[in-house]
Amino acid sequence: MSKPYNRDSYADMLKAVQDFHDKHDFKNTGGEEMTYRIALMSEELGEIASAVTKGKGKSELAEETADLFILLIGTAIAADFDLKDAFWHKMEKIMRRESRMINGRIRVSEFSGQ
């Protein structure tokens, strides 16, 4: 019997998604193909949008967001990069950016050429 996952550990989240990939043999059955994964992520993003725009409850929004997060972790597994390192690298980068109000909403982006 395998040891239970530590629910406070990113390493265990990564292991859980890897275990899911292994259980369904994603590597050898097309489940790790990037174009397919993009389509799945787009589908999940649409389900998040639907949960928000149709006023569905917080639990449905949380579930759809978790689906997208699982797909993101799985994409890092499939593409063989460290998502935790990518996250912290990107956070350091965006924390140095300035923000702007555009059409009454805040944007934090690389505002080149403006």
PDB file of N, CA and C in Angstrom:
ATOM      1  N   MET A   1       0.843  -1.182   0.000  1.00  0.00           N
ATOM      2  CA  MET A   1       0.000   0.000   0.000  1.00  0.00           C
ATOM      3  C   MET A   1       0.889   1.246   0.000  1.00  0.00           C
ATOM      4  N   SER A   2       0.534   2.208  -0.840  1.00  0.00           N
ATOM      5  CA  SER A   2       1.362   3.406  -0.920  1.00  0.00           C
ATOM      6  C   SER A   2       1.031   4.373   0.209  1.00  0.00           C
ATOM      7  N   LYS A   3       2.014   5.154   0.539  1.00  0.00           N
ATOM      8  CA  LYS A   3       1.881   6.140   1.605  1.00  0.00           C
ATOM      9  C   LYS A   3       0.923   7.253   1.130  1.00  0.00           C
ATOM     10  N   PRO A   4       0.064   7.777   2.019  1.00  0.00           N
ATOM     11  CA  PRO A   4      -0.844   8.855   1.612  1.00  0.00           C
ATOM     12  C   PRO A   4      -0.065  10.134   1.263  1.00  0.00           C
ATOM     13  N   TYR A   5      -0.655  10.923   0.405  1.00  0.00           N
ATOM     14  CA  TYR A   5      -0.028  12.181   0.004  1.00  0.00           C
ATOM     15  C   TYR A   5      -0.112  13.204   1.138  1.00  0.00           C
ATOM     16  N   ASN A   6       0.925  14.009   1.265  1.00  0.00           N
ATOM     17  CA  ASN A   6       0.909  15.156   2.174  1.00  0.00           C
ATOM     18  C   ASN A   6       0.225  16.296   1.421  1.00  0.00           C
ATOM     19  N   ARG A   7      -0.953  16.668   1.839  1.00  0.00           N
ATOM     20  CA  ARG A   7      -1.766  17.663   1.126  1.00  0.00           C
ATOM     21  C   ARG A   7      -1.207  19.080   1.225  1.00  0.00           C
ATOM     22  N   ASP A   8      -0.178  19.283   2.024  1.00  0.00           N
ATOM     23  CA  ASP A   8       0.463  20.593   2.126  1.00  0.00           C
ATOM     24  C   ASP A   8       1.755  20.666   1.316  1.00  0.00           C
ATOM     25  N   SER A   9       2.032  19.644   0.537  1.00  0.00           N
ATOM     26  CA  SER A   9       3.302  19.543  -0.159  1.00  0.00           C
ATOM     27  C   SER A   9       3.122  19.643  -1.678  1.00  0.00           C
ATOM     28  N   TYR A  10       3.831  20.615  -2.285  1.00  0.00           N
ATOM     29  CA  TYR A  10       3.815  20.698  -3.753  1.00  0.00           C
ATOM     30  C   TYR A  10       4.422  19.430  -4.345  1.00  0.00           C
ATOM     31  N   ALA A  11       5.465  18.897  -3.727  1.00  0.00           N
ATOM     32  CA  ALA A  11       6.097  17.673  -4.239  1.00  0.00           C
ATOM     33  C   ALA A  11       5.086  16.532  -4.298  1.00  0.00           C
ATOM     34  N   ASP A  12       4.206  16.451  -3.307  1.00  0.00           N
ATOM     35  CA  ASP A  12       3.188  15.401  -3.318  1.00  0.00           C
ATOM     36  C   ASP A  12       2.090  15.687  -4.338  1.00  0.00           C
ATOM     37  N   MET A  13       1.798  16.958  -4.594  1.00  0.00           N
ATOM     38  CA  MET A  13       0.843  17.295  -5.663  1.00  0.00           C
ATOM     39  C   MET A  13       1.421  16.822  -7.001  1.00  0.00           C
ATOM     40  N   LEU A  14       2.695  17.106  -7.211  1.00  0.00           N
ATOM     41  CA  LEU A  14       3.373  16.678  -8.431  1.00  0.00           C
ATOM     42  C   LEU A  14       3.355  15.155  -8.538  1.00  0.00           C
ATOM     43  N   LYS A  15       3.625  14.476  -7.435  1.00  0.00           N
ATOM     44  CA  LYS A  15       3.608  13.015  -7.432  1.00  0.00           C
ATOM     45  C   LYS A  15       2.213  12.481  -7.731  1.00  0.00           C
ATOM     46  N   ALA A  16       1.186  13.102  -7.180  1.00  0.00           N
ATOM     47  CA  ALA A  16      -0.193  12.657  -7.430  1.00  0.00           C
ATOM     48  C   ALA A  16      -0.546  12.766  -8.908  1.00  0.00           C
ATOM     49  N   VAL A  17      -0.150  13.872  -9.539  1.00  0.00           N
ATOM     50  CA  VAL A  17      -0.419  14.030 -10.971  1.00  0.00           C
ATOM     51  C   VAL A  17       0.411  13.036 -11.776  1.00  0.00           C
ATOM     52  N   GLN A  18       1.670  12.835 -11.394  1.00  0.00           N
ATOM     53  CA  GLN A  18       2.499  11.826 -12.066  1.00  0.00           C
ATOM     54  C   GLN A  18       1.864  10.446 -11.925  1.00  0.00           C
ATOM     55  N   ASP A  19       1.380  10.112 -10.737  1.00  0.00           N
ATOM     56  CA  ASP A  19       0.709   8.823 -10.516  1.00  0.00           C
ATOM     57  C   ASP A  19      -0.517   8.684 -11.419  1.00  0.00           C
ATOM     58  N   PHE A  20      -1.265   9.771 -11.593  1.00  0.00           N
ATOM     59  CA  PHE A  20      -2.434   9.772 -12.483  1.00  0.00           C
ATOM     60  C   PHE A  20      -1.997   9.517 -13.927  1.00  0.00           C
ATOM     61  N   HIS A  21      -0.932  10.199 -14.363  1.00  0.00           N
ATOM     62  CA  HIS A  21      -0.397   9.978 -15.715  1.00  0.00           C
ATOM     63  C   HIS A  21       0.033   8.522 -15.883  1.00  0.00           C
ATOM     64  N   ASP A  22       0.739   8.007 -14.883  1.00  0.00           N
ATOM     65  CA  ASP A  22       1.212   6.620 -14.960  1.00  0.00           C
ATOM     66  C   ASP A  22       0.043   5.633 -14.970  1.00  0.00           C
ATOM     67  N   LYS A  23      -0.952   5.870 -14.146  1.00  0.00           N
ATOM     68  CA  LYS A  23      -2.115   4.970 -14.065  1.00  0.00           C
ATOM     69  C   LYS A  23      -2.778   4.803 -15.424  1.00  0.00           C
ATOM     70  N   HIS A  24      -2.862   5.917 -16.183  1.00  0.00           N
ATOM     71  CA  HIS A  24      -3.546   5.883 -17.482  1.00  0.00           C
ATOM     72  C   HIS A  24      -2.567   5.838 -18.661  1.00  0.00           C
ATOM     73  N   ASP A  25      -1.275   5.651 -18.373  1.00  0.00           N
ATOM     74  CA  ASP A  25      -0.224   5.546 -19.386  1.00  0.00           C
ATOM     75  C   ASP A  25      -0.285   6.691 -20.396  1.00  0.00           C
ATOM     76  N   PHE A  26      -0.439   7.912 -19.894  1.00  0.00           N
ATOM     77  CA  PHE A  26      -0.537   9.083 -20.771  1.00  0.00           C
ATOM     78  C   PHE A  26       0.648   9.194 -21.725  1.00  0.00           C
ATOM     79  N   LYS A  27       1.836   8.857 -21.237  1.00  0.00           N
ATOM     80  CA  LYS A  27       3.040   9.010 -22.065  1.00  0.00           C
ATOM     81  C   LYS A  27       2.937   8.217 -23.364  1.00  0.00           C
ATOM     82  N   ASN A  28       2.311   7.036 -23.307  1.00  0.00           N
ATOM     83  CA  ASN A  28       2.255   6.152 -24.472  1.00  0.00           C
ATOM     84  C   ASN A  28       0.896   6.131 -25.176  1.00  0.00           C
ATOM     85  N   THR A  29      -0.044   6.947 -24.697  1.00  0.00           N
ATOM     86  CA  THR A  29      -1.385   6.908 -25.288  1.00  0.00           C
ATOM     87  C   THR A  29      -1.871   8.279 -25.753  1.00  0.00           C
ATOM     88  N   GLY A  30      -0.944   9.228 -25.929  1.00  0.00           N
ATOM     89  CA  GLY A  30      -1.292  10.546 -26.459  1.00  0.00           C
ATOM     90  C   GLY A  30      -1.691  11.568 -25.421  1.00  0.00           C
ATOM     91  N   GLY A  31      -1.765  11.177 -24.152  1.00  0.00           N
ATOM     92  CA  GLY A  31      -2.198  12.096 -23.114  1.00  0.00           C
ATOM     93  C   GLY A  31      -1.190  13.167 -22.761  1.00  0.00           C
ATOM     94  N   GLU A  32       0.046  13.017 -23.218  1.00  0.00           N
ATOM     95  CA  GLU A  32       1.070  14.024 -22.933  1.00  0.00           C
ATOM     96  C   GLU A  32       1.437  14.838 -24.175  1.00  0.00           C
ATOM     97  N   GLU A  33       0.689  14.676 -25.240  1.00  0.00           N
ATOM     98  CA  GLU A  33       0.936  15.429 -26.473  1.00  0.00           C
ATOM     99  C   GLU A  33       0.481  16.873 -26.252  1.00  0.00           C
ATOM    100  N   MET A  34       1.333  17.836 -26.574  1.00  0.00           N
ATOM    101  CA  MET A  34       1.097  19.231 -26.208  1.00  0.00           C
ATOM    102  C   MET A  34      -0.144  19.845 -26.863  1.00  0.00           C
ATOM    103  N   THR A  35      -0.398  19.586 -28.131  1.00  0.00           N
ATOM    104  CA  THR A  35      -1.578  20.161 -28.779  1.00  0.00           C
ATOM    105  C   THR A  35      -2.848  19.664 -28.102  1.00  0.00           C
ATOM    106  N   TYR A  36      -2.879  18.401 -27.753  1.00  0.00           N
ATOM    107  CA  TYR A  36      -4.016  17.822 -27.046  1.00  0.00           C
ATOM    108  C   TYR A  36      -4.172  18.478 -25.670  1.00  0.00           C
ATOM    109  N   ARG A  37      -3.065  18.684 -24.986  1.00  0.00           N
ATOM    110  CA  ARG A  37      -3.126  19.289 -23.650  1.00  0.00           C
ATOM    111  C   ARG A  37      -3.623  20.730 -23.736  1.00  0.00           C
ATOM    112  N   ILE A  38      -3.209  21.462 -24.761  1.00  0.00           N
ATOM    113  CA  ILE A  38      -3.700  22.833 -24.947  1.00  0.00           C
ATOM    114  C   ILE A  38      -5.216  22.824 -25.140  1.00  0.00           C
ATOM    115  N   ALA A  39      -5.710  21.884 -25.937  1.00  0.00           N
ATOM    116  CA  ALA A  39      -7.157  21.777 -26.142  1.00  0.00           C
ATOM    117  C   ALA A  39      -7.872  21.491 -24.823  1.00  0.00           C
ATOM    118  N   LEU A  40      -7.310  20.607 -24.012  1.00  0.00           N
ATOM    119  CA  LEU A  40      -7.914  20.302 -22.716  1.00  0.00           C
ATOM    120  C   LEU A  40      -7.896  21.523 -21.798  1.00  0.00           C
ATOM    121  N   MET A  41      -6.787  22.273 -21.803  1.00  0.00           N
ATOM    122  CA  MET A  41      -6.710  23.465 -20.962  1.00  0.00           C
ATOM    123  C   MET A  41      -7.703  24.520 -21.426  1.00  0.00           C
ATOM    124  N   SER A  42      -7.875  24.660 -22.738  1.00  0.00           N
ATOM    125  CA  SER A  42      -8.864  25.603 -23.269  1.00  0.00           C
ATOM    126  C   SER A  42     -10.270  25.201 -22.839  1.00  0.00           C
ATOM    127  N   GLU A  43     -10.541  23.918 -22.887  1.00  0.00           N
ATOM    128  CA  GLU A  43     -11.841  23.408 -22.446  1.00  0.00           C
ATOM    129  C   GLU A  43     -12.078  23.733 -20.969  1.00  0.00           C
ATOM    130  N   GLU A  44     -11.067  23.501 -20.141  1.00  0.00           N
ATOM    131  CA  GLU A  44     -11.207  23.788 -18.713  1.00  0.00           C
ATOM    132  C   GLU A  44     -11.359  25.281 -18.457  1.00  0.00           C
ATOM    133  N   LEU A  45     -10.639  26.112 -19.206  1.00  0.00           N
ATOM    134  CA  LEU A  45     -10.780  27.555 -19.053  1.00  0.00           C
ATOM    135  C   LEU A  45     -12.202  27.985 -19.417  1.00  0.00           C
ATOM    136  N   GLY A  46     -12.768  27.364 -20.440  1.00  0.00           N
ATOM    137  CA  GLY A  46     -14.159  27.629 -20.795  1.00  0.00           C
ATOM    138  C   GLY A  46     -15.111  27.247 -19.678  1.00  0.00           C
ATOM    139  N   GLU A  47     -14.816  26.149 -18.991  1.00  0.00           N
ATOM    140  CA  GLU A  47     -15.660  25.721 -17.873  1.00  0.00           C
ATOM    141  C   GLU A  47     -15.524  26.675 -16.689  1.00  0.00           C
ATOM    142  N   ILE A  48     -14.335  27.247 -16.490  1.00  0.00           N
ATOM    143  CA  ILE A  48     -14.154  28.266 -15.455  1.00  0.00           C
ATOM    144  C   ILE A  48     -14.969  29.503 -15.819  1.00  0.00           C
ATOM    145  N   ALA A  49     -14.872  29.917 -17.082  1.00  0.00           N
ATOM    146  CA  ALA A  49     -15.639  31.083 -17.541  1.00  0.00           C
ATOM    147  C   ALA A  49     -17.133  30.861 -17.357  1.00  0.00           C
ATOM    148  N   SER A  50     -17.586  29.680 -17.671  1.00  0.00           N
ATOM    149  CA  SER A  50     -19.005  29.357 -17.503  1.00  0.00           C
ATOM    150  C   SER A  50     -19.416  29.420 -16.037  1.00  0.00           C
ATOM    151  N   ALA A  51     -18.582  28.905 -15.157  1.00  0.00           N
ATOM    152  CA  ALA A  51     -18.891  28.942 -13.729  1.00  0.00           C
ATOM    153  C   ALA A  51     -19.035  30.382 -13.245  1.00  0.00           C
ATOM    154  N   VAL A  52     -18.184  31.277 -13.756  1.00  0.00           N
ATOM    155  CA  VAL A  52     -18.224  32.679 -13.342  1.00  0.00           C
ATOM    156  C   VAL A  52     -19.407  33.396 -13.986  1.00  0.00           C
ATOM    157  N   THR A  53     -19.534  33.303 -15.298  1.00  0.00           N
ATOM    158  CA  THR A  53     -20.557  34.084 -15.996  1.00  0.00           C
ATOM    159  C   THR A  53     -21.968  33.593 -15.740  1.00  0.00           C
ATOM    160  N   LYS A  54     -22.116  32.336 -15.381  1.00  0.00           N
ATOM    161  CA  LYS A  54     -23.450  31.802 -15.088  1.00  0.00           C
ATOM    162  C   LYS A  54     -23.759  31.814 -13.597  1.00  0.00           C
ATOM    163  N   GLY A  55     -22.858  32.417 -12.817  1.00  0.00           N
ATOM    164  CA  GLY A  55     -23.099  32.586 -11.393  1.00  0.00           C
ATOM    165  C   GLY A  55     -23.160  31.285 -10.612  1.00  0.00           C
ATOM    166  N   LYS A  56     -22.421  30.288 -11.074  1.00  0.00           N
ATOM    167  CA  LYS A  56     -22.395  29.021 -10.338  1.00  0.00           C
ATOM    168  C   LYS A  56     -21.633  29.215  -9.037  1.00  0.00           C
ATOM    169  N   GLY A  57     -21.772  28.315  -8.132  1.00  0.00           N
ATOM    170  CA  GLY A  57     -21.191  28.467  -6.802  1.00  0.00           C
ATOM    171  C   GLY A  57     -19.684  28.363  -6.756  1.00  0.00           C
ATOM    172  N   LYS A  58     -19.161  28.731  -5.599  1.00  0.00           N
ATOM    173  CA  LYS A  58     -17.722  28.700  -5.361  1.00  0.00           C
ATOM    174  C   LYS A  58     -17.159  27.291  -5.519  1.00  0.00           C
ATOM    175  N   SER A  59     -17.922  26.270  -5.121  1.00  0.00           N
ATOM    176  CA  SER A  59     -17.403  24.900  -5.204  1.00  0.00           C
ATOM    177  C   SER A  59     -17.204  24.473  -6.659  1.00  0.00           C
ATOM    178  N   GLU A  60     -18.087  24.892  -7.560  1.00  0.00           N
ATOM    179  CA  GLU A  60     -17.896  24.549  -8.970  1.00  0.00           C
ATOM    180  C   GLU A  60     -16.713  25.305  -9.557  1.00  0.00           C
ATOM    181  N   LEU A  61     -16.579  26.572  -9.205  1.00  0.00           N
ATOM    182  CA  LEU A  61     -15.419  27.347  -9.661  1.00  0.00           C
ATOM    183  C   LEU A  61     -14.132  26.711  -9.151  1.00  0.00           C
ATOM    184  N   ALA A  62     -14.121  26.301  -7.888  1.00  0.00           N
ATOM    185  CA  ALA A  62     -12.934  25.666  -7.314  1.00  0.00           C
ATOM    186  C   ALA A  62     -12.610  24.369  -8.042  1.00  0.00           C
ATOM    187  N   GLU A  63     -13.624  23.562  -8.337  1.00  0.00           N
ATOM    188  CA  GLU A  63     -13.387  22.287  -9.024  1.00  0.00           C
ATOM    189  C   GLU A  63     -12.832  22.502 -10.422  1.00  0.00           C
ATOM    190  N   GLU A  64     -13.410  23.441 -11.165  1.00  0.00           N
ATOM    191  CA  GLU A  64     -12.923  23.701 -12.527  1.00  0.00           C
ATOM    192  C   GLU A  64     -11.521  24.289 -12.506  1.00  0.00           C
ATOM    193  N   THR A  65     -11.225  25.131 -11.527  1.00  0.00           N
ATOM    194  CA  THR A  65      -9.883  25.694 -11.400  1.00  0.00           C
ATOM    195  C   THR A  65      -8.882  24.600 -11.041  1.00  0.00           C
ATOM    196  N   ALA A  66      -9.290  23.677 -10.184  1.00  0.00           N
ATOM    197  CA  ALA A  66      -8.418  22.549  -9.836  1.00  0.00           C
ATOM    198  C   ALA A  66      -8.141  21.692 -11.069  1.00  0.00           C
ATOM    199  N   ASP A  67      -9.158  21.486 -11.920  1.00  0.00           N
ATOM    200  CA  ASP A  67      -8.944  20.732 -13.162  1.00  0.00           C
ATOM    201  C   ASP A  67      -7.856  21.391 -14.008  1.00  0.00           C
ATOM    202  N   LEU A  68      -7.930  22.719 -14.143  1.00  0.00           N
ATOM    203  CA  LEU A  68      -6.931  23.436 -14.933  1.00  0.00           C
ATOM    204  C   LEU A  68      -5.553  23.339 -14.278  1.00  0.00           C
ATOM    205  N   PHE A  69      -5.502  23.446 -12.959  1.00  0.00           N
ATOM    206  CA  PHE A  69      -4.230  23.353 -12.244  1.00  0.00           C
ATOM    207  C   PHE A  69      -3.597  21.973 -12.421  1.00  0.00           C
ATOM    208  N   ILE A  70      -4.413  20.933 -12.355  1.00  0.00           N
ATOM    209  CA  ILE A  70      -3.917  19.565 -12.582  1.00  0.00           C
ATOM    210  C   ILE A  70      -3.362  19.435 -14.001  1.00  0.00           C
ATOM    211  N   LEU A  71      -4.060  20.016 -14.969  1.00  0.00           N
ATOM    212  CA  LEU A  71      -3.564  19.994 -16.348  1.00  0.00           C
ATOM    213  C   LEU A  71      -2.256  20.770 -16.480  1.00  0.00           C
ATOM    214  N   LEU A  72      -2.132  21.887 -15.786  1.00  0.00           N
ATOM    215  CA  LEU A  72      -0.883  22.659 -15.832  1.00  0.00           C
ATOM    216  C   LEU A  72       0.276  21.864 -15.248  1.00  0.00           C
ATOM    217  N   ILE A  73       0.048  21.231 -14.102  1.00  0.00           N
ATOM    218  CA  ILE A  73       1.098  20.397 -13.513  1.00  0.00           C
ATOM    219  C   ILE A  73       1.438  19.252 -14.462  1.00  0.00           C
ATOM    220  N   GLY A  74       0.418  18.638 -15.059  1.00  0.00           N
ATOM    221  CA  GLY A  74       0.651  17.548 -16.004  1.00  0.00           C
ATOM    222  C   GLY A  74       1.398  17.995 -17.243  1.00  0.00           C
ATOM    223  N   THR A  75       1.163  19.219 -17.668  1.00  0.00           N
ATOM    224  CA  THR A  75       1.889  19.756 -18.819  1.00  0.00           C
ATOM    225  C   THR A  75       3.359  19.926 -18.490  1.00  0.00           C
ATOM    226  N   ALA A  76       3.652  20.367 -17.281  1.00  0.00           N
ATOM    227  CA  ALA A  76       5.056  20.465 -16.853  1.00  0.00           C
ATOM    228  C   ALA A  76       5.702  19.088 -16.828  1.00  0.00           C
ATOM    229  N   ILE A  77       4.958  18.089 -16.388  1.00  0.00           N
ATOM    230  CA  ILE A  77       5.473  16.715 -16.394  1.00  0.00           C
ATOM    231  C   ILE A  77       5.731  16.267 -17.833  1.00  0.00           C
ATOM    232  N   ALA A  78       4.751  16.469 -18.696  1.00  0.00           N
ATOM    233  CA  ALA A  78       4.859  16.015 -20.085  1.00  0.00           C
ATOM    234  C   ALA A  78       5.977  16.725 -20.836  1.00  0.00           C
ATOM    235  N   ALA A  79       6.154  18.023 -20.569  1.00  0.00           N
ATOM    236  CA  ALA A  79       7.183  18.805 -21.260  1.00  0.00           C
ATOM    237  C   ALA A  79       8.524  18.768 -20.533  1.00  0.00           C
ATOM    238  N   ASP A  80       8.557  18.095 -19.387  1.00  0.00           N
ATOM    239  CA  ASP A  80       9.778  17.895 -18.617  1.00  0.00           C
ATOM    240  C   ASP A  80      10.435  19.206 -18.193  1.00  0.00           C
ATOM    241  N   PHE A  81       9.638  20.075 -17.544  1.00  0.00           N
ATOM    242  CA  PHE A  81      10.219  21.252 -16.915  1.00  0.00           C
ATOM    243  C   PHE A  81       9.695  21.360 -15.490  1.00  0.00           C
ATOM    244  N   ASP A  82      10.429  22.093 -14.670  1.00  0.00           N
ATOM    245  CA  ASP A  82      10.089  22.255 -13.263  1.00  0.00           C
ATOM    246  C   ASP A  82       9.141  23.437 -13.120  1.00  0.00           C
ATOM    247  N   LEU A  83       7.866  23.160 -12.905  1.00  0.00           N
ATOM    248  CA  LEU A  83       6.857  24.206 -12.806  1.00  0.00           C
ATOM    249  C   LEU A  83       7.096  25.104 -11.595  1.00  0.00           C
ATOM    250  N   LYS A  84       7.565  24.538 -10.507  1.00  0.00           N
ATOM    251  CA  LYS A  84       7.851  25.347  -9.313  1.00  0.00           C
ATOM    252  C   LYS A  84       8.939  26.373  -9.627  1.00  0.00           C
ATOM    253  N   ASP A  85      10.007  25.954 -10.285  1.00  0.00           N
ATOM    254  CA  ASP A  85      11.061  26.893 -10.668  1.00  0.00           C
ATOM    255  C   ASP A  85      10.541  27.936 -11.657  1.00  0.00           C
ATOM    256  N   ALA A  86       9.740  27.498 -12.624  1.00  0.00           N
ATOM    257  CA  ALA A  86       9.173  28.427 -13.601  1.00  0.00           C
ATOM    258  C   ALA A  86       8.273  29.455 -12.910  1.00  0.00           C
ATOM    259  N   PHE A  87       7.491  28.987 -11.927  1.00  0.00           N
ATOM    260  CA  PHE A  87       6.617  29.882 -11.171  1.00  0.00           C
ATOM    261  C   PHE A  87       7.425  30.971 -10.480  1.00  0.00           C
ATOM    262  N   TRP A  88       8.463  30.565  -9.735  1.00  0.00           N
ATOM    263  CA  TRP A  88       9.235  31.553  -8.974  1.00  0.00           C
ATOM    264  C   TRP A  88      10.020  32.481  -9.883  1.00  0.00           C
ATOM    265  N   HIS A  89      10.524  31.967 -10.995  1.00  0.00           N
ATOM    266  CA  HIS A  89      11.214  32.813 -11.969  1.00  0.00           C
ATOM    267  C   HIS A  89      10.255  33.873 -12.509  1.00  0.00           C
ATOM    268  N   LYS A  90       9.044  33.451 -12.861  1.00  0.00           N
ATOM    269  CA  LYS A  90       8.057  34.388 -13.411  1.00  0.00           C
ATOM    270  C   LYS A  90       7.599  35.381 -12.345  1.00  0.00           C
ATOM    271  N   MET A  91       7.407  34.930 -11.098  1.00  0.00           N
ATOM    272  CA  MET A  91       7.008  35.856 -10.027  1.00  0.00           C
ATOM    273  C   MET A  91       8.053  36.944  -9.826  1.00  0.00           C
ATOM    274  N   GLU A  92       9.323  36.567  -9.833  1.00  0.00           N
ATOM    275  CA  GLU A  92      10.382  37.569  -9.685  1.00  0.00           C
ATOM    276  C   GLU A  92      10.311  38.587 -10.826  1.00  0.00           C
ATOM    277  N   LYS A  93      10.049  38.105 -12.019  1.00  0.00           N
ATOM    278  CA  LYS A  93       9.971  38.974 -13.189  1.00  0.00           C
ATOM    279  C   LYS A  93       8.781  39.930 -13.105  1.00  0.00           C
ATOM    280  N   ILE A  94       7.593  39.391 -12.786  1.00  0.00           N
ATOM    281  CA  ILE A  94       6.412  40.261 -12.785  1.00  0.00           C
ATOM    282  C   ILE A  94       6.369  41.205 -11.588  1.00  0.00           C
ATOM    283  N   MET A  95       7.046  40.845 -10.494  1.00  0.00           N
ATOM    284  CA  MET A  95       7.076  41.747  -9.347  1.00  0.00           C
ATOM    285  C   MET A  95       7.880  43.013  -9.648  1.00  0.00           C
ATOM    286  N   ARG A  96       8.744  42.977 -10.650  1.00  0.00           N
ATOM    287  CA  ARG A  96       9.522  44.160 -11.047  1.00  0.00           C
ATOM    288  C   ARG A  96       8.742  45.057 -12.007  1.00  0.00           C
ATOM    289  N   ARG A  97       7.596  44.610 -12.493  1.00  0.00           N
ATOM    290  CA  ARG A  97       6.837  45.380 -13.484  1.00  0.00           C
ATOM    291  C   ARG A  97       6.002  46.477 -12.830  1.00  0.00           C
ATOM    292  N   GLU A  98       5.795  47.513 -13.598  1.00  0.00           N
ATOM    293  CA  GLU A  98       4.877  48.574 -13.201  1.00  0.00           C
ATOM    294  C   GLU A  98       3.469  48.180 -13.658  1.00  0.00           C
ATOM    295  N   SER A  99       2.485  48.810 -13.060  1.00  0.00           N
ATOM    296  CA  SER A  99       1.101  48.563 -13.466  1.00  0.00           C
ATOM    297  C   SER A  99       0.527  49.819 -14.111  1.00  0.00           C
ATOM    298  N   ARG A 100      -0.541  49.618 -14.861  1.00  0.00           N
ATOM    299  CA  ARG A 100      -1.266  50.723 -15.486  1.00  0.00           C
ATOM    300  C   ARG A 100      -2.755  50.444 -15.388  1.00  0.00           C
ATOM    301  N   MET A 101      -3.501  51.526 -15.329  1.00  0.00           N
ATOM    302  CA  MET A 101      -4.952  51.405 -15.418  1.00  0.00           C
ATOM    303  C   MET A 101      -5.316  51.516 -16.892  1.00  0.00           C
ATOM    304  N   ILE A 102      -5.999  50.526 -17.387  1.00  0.00           N
ATOM    305  CA  ILE A 102      -6.451  50.518 -18.781  1.00  0.00           C
ATOM    306  C   ILE A 102      -7.941  50.204 -18.773  1.00  0.00           C
ATOM    307  N   ASN A 103      -8.711  51.152 -19.283  1.00  0.00           N
ATOM    308  CA  ASN A 103     -10.173  51.006 -19.299  1.00  0.00           C
ATOM    309  C   ASN A 103     -10.728  50.696 -17.909  1.00  0.00           C
ATOM    310  N   GLY A 104     -10.174  51.358 -16.902  1.00  0.00           N
ATOM    311  CA  GLY A 104     -10.676  51.226 -15.544  1.00  0.00           C
ATOM    312  C   GLY A 104     -10.249  49.973 -14.805  1.00  0.00           C
ATOM    313  N   ARG A 105      -9.331  49.208 -15.389  1.00  0.00           N
ATOM    314  CA  ARG A 105      -8.862  47.987 -14.730  1.00  0.00           C
ATOM    315  C   ARG A 105      -7.340  47.953 -14.731  1.00  0.00           C
ATOM    316  N   ILE A 106      -6.806  47.393 -13.673  1.00  0.00           N
ATOM    317  CA  ILE A 106      -5.344  47.363 -13.535  1.00  0.00           C
ATOM    318  C   ILE A 106      -4.748  46.306 -14.444  1.00  0.00           C
ATOM    319  N   ARG A 107      -3.641  46.639 -15.065  1.00  0.00           N
ATOM    320  CA  ARG A 107      -2.871  45.688 -15.882  1.00  0.00           C
ATOM    321  C   ARG A 107      -1.429  45.723 -15.423  1.00  0.00           C
ATOM    322  N   VAL A 108      -0.837  44.572 -15.306  1.00  0.00           N
ATOM    323  CA  VAL A 108       0.583  44.444 -15.014  1.00  0.00           C
ATOM    324  C   VAL A 108       1.156  43.622 -16.155  1.00  0.00           C
ATOM    325  N   SER A 109       1.886  44.316 -17.014  1.00  0.00           N
ATOM    326  CA  SER A 109       2.372  43.670 -18.231  1.00  0.00           C
ATOM    327  C   SER A 109       3.674  44.334 -18.641  1.00  0.00           C
ATOM    328  N   GLU A 110       4.266  43.802 -19.697  1.00  0.00           N
ATOM    329  CA  GLU A 110       5.433  44.451 -20.285  1.00  0.00           C
ATOM    330  C   GLU A 110       4.891  45.451 -21.300  1.00  0.00           C
ATOM    331  N   PHE A 111       4.862  46.707 -20.926  1.00  0.00           N
ATOM    332  CA  PHE A 111       4.300  47.743 -21.776  1.00  0.00           C
ATOM    333  C   PHE A 111       5.397  48.311 -22.663  1.00  0.00           C
ATOM    334  N   SER A 112       5.795  47.568 -23.662  1.00  0.00           N
ATOM    335  CA  SER A 112       6.873  48.030 -24.536  1.00  0.00           C
ATOM    336  C   SER A 112       6.303  48.924 -25.631  1.00  0.00           C
ATOM    337  N   GLY A 113       7.088  49.941 -26.002  1.00  0.00           N
ATOM    338  CA  GLY A 113       6.725  50.810 -27.100  1.00  0.00           C
ATOM    339  C   GLY A 113       5.613  51.794 -26.784  1.00  0.00           C
ATOM    340  N   GLN A 114       5.286  51.990 -25.512  1.00  0.00           N
ATOM    341  CA  GLN A 114       4.203  52.932 -25.174  1.00  0.00           C
ATOM    342  C   GLN A 114       4.707  54.011 -24.268  1.00  0.00           C
TER     343      GLN A 114
END
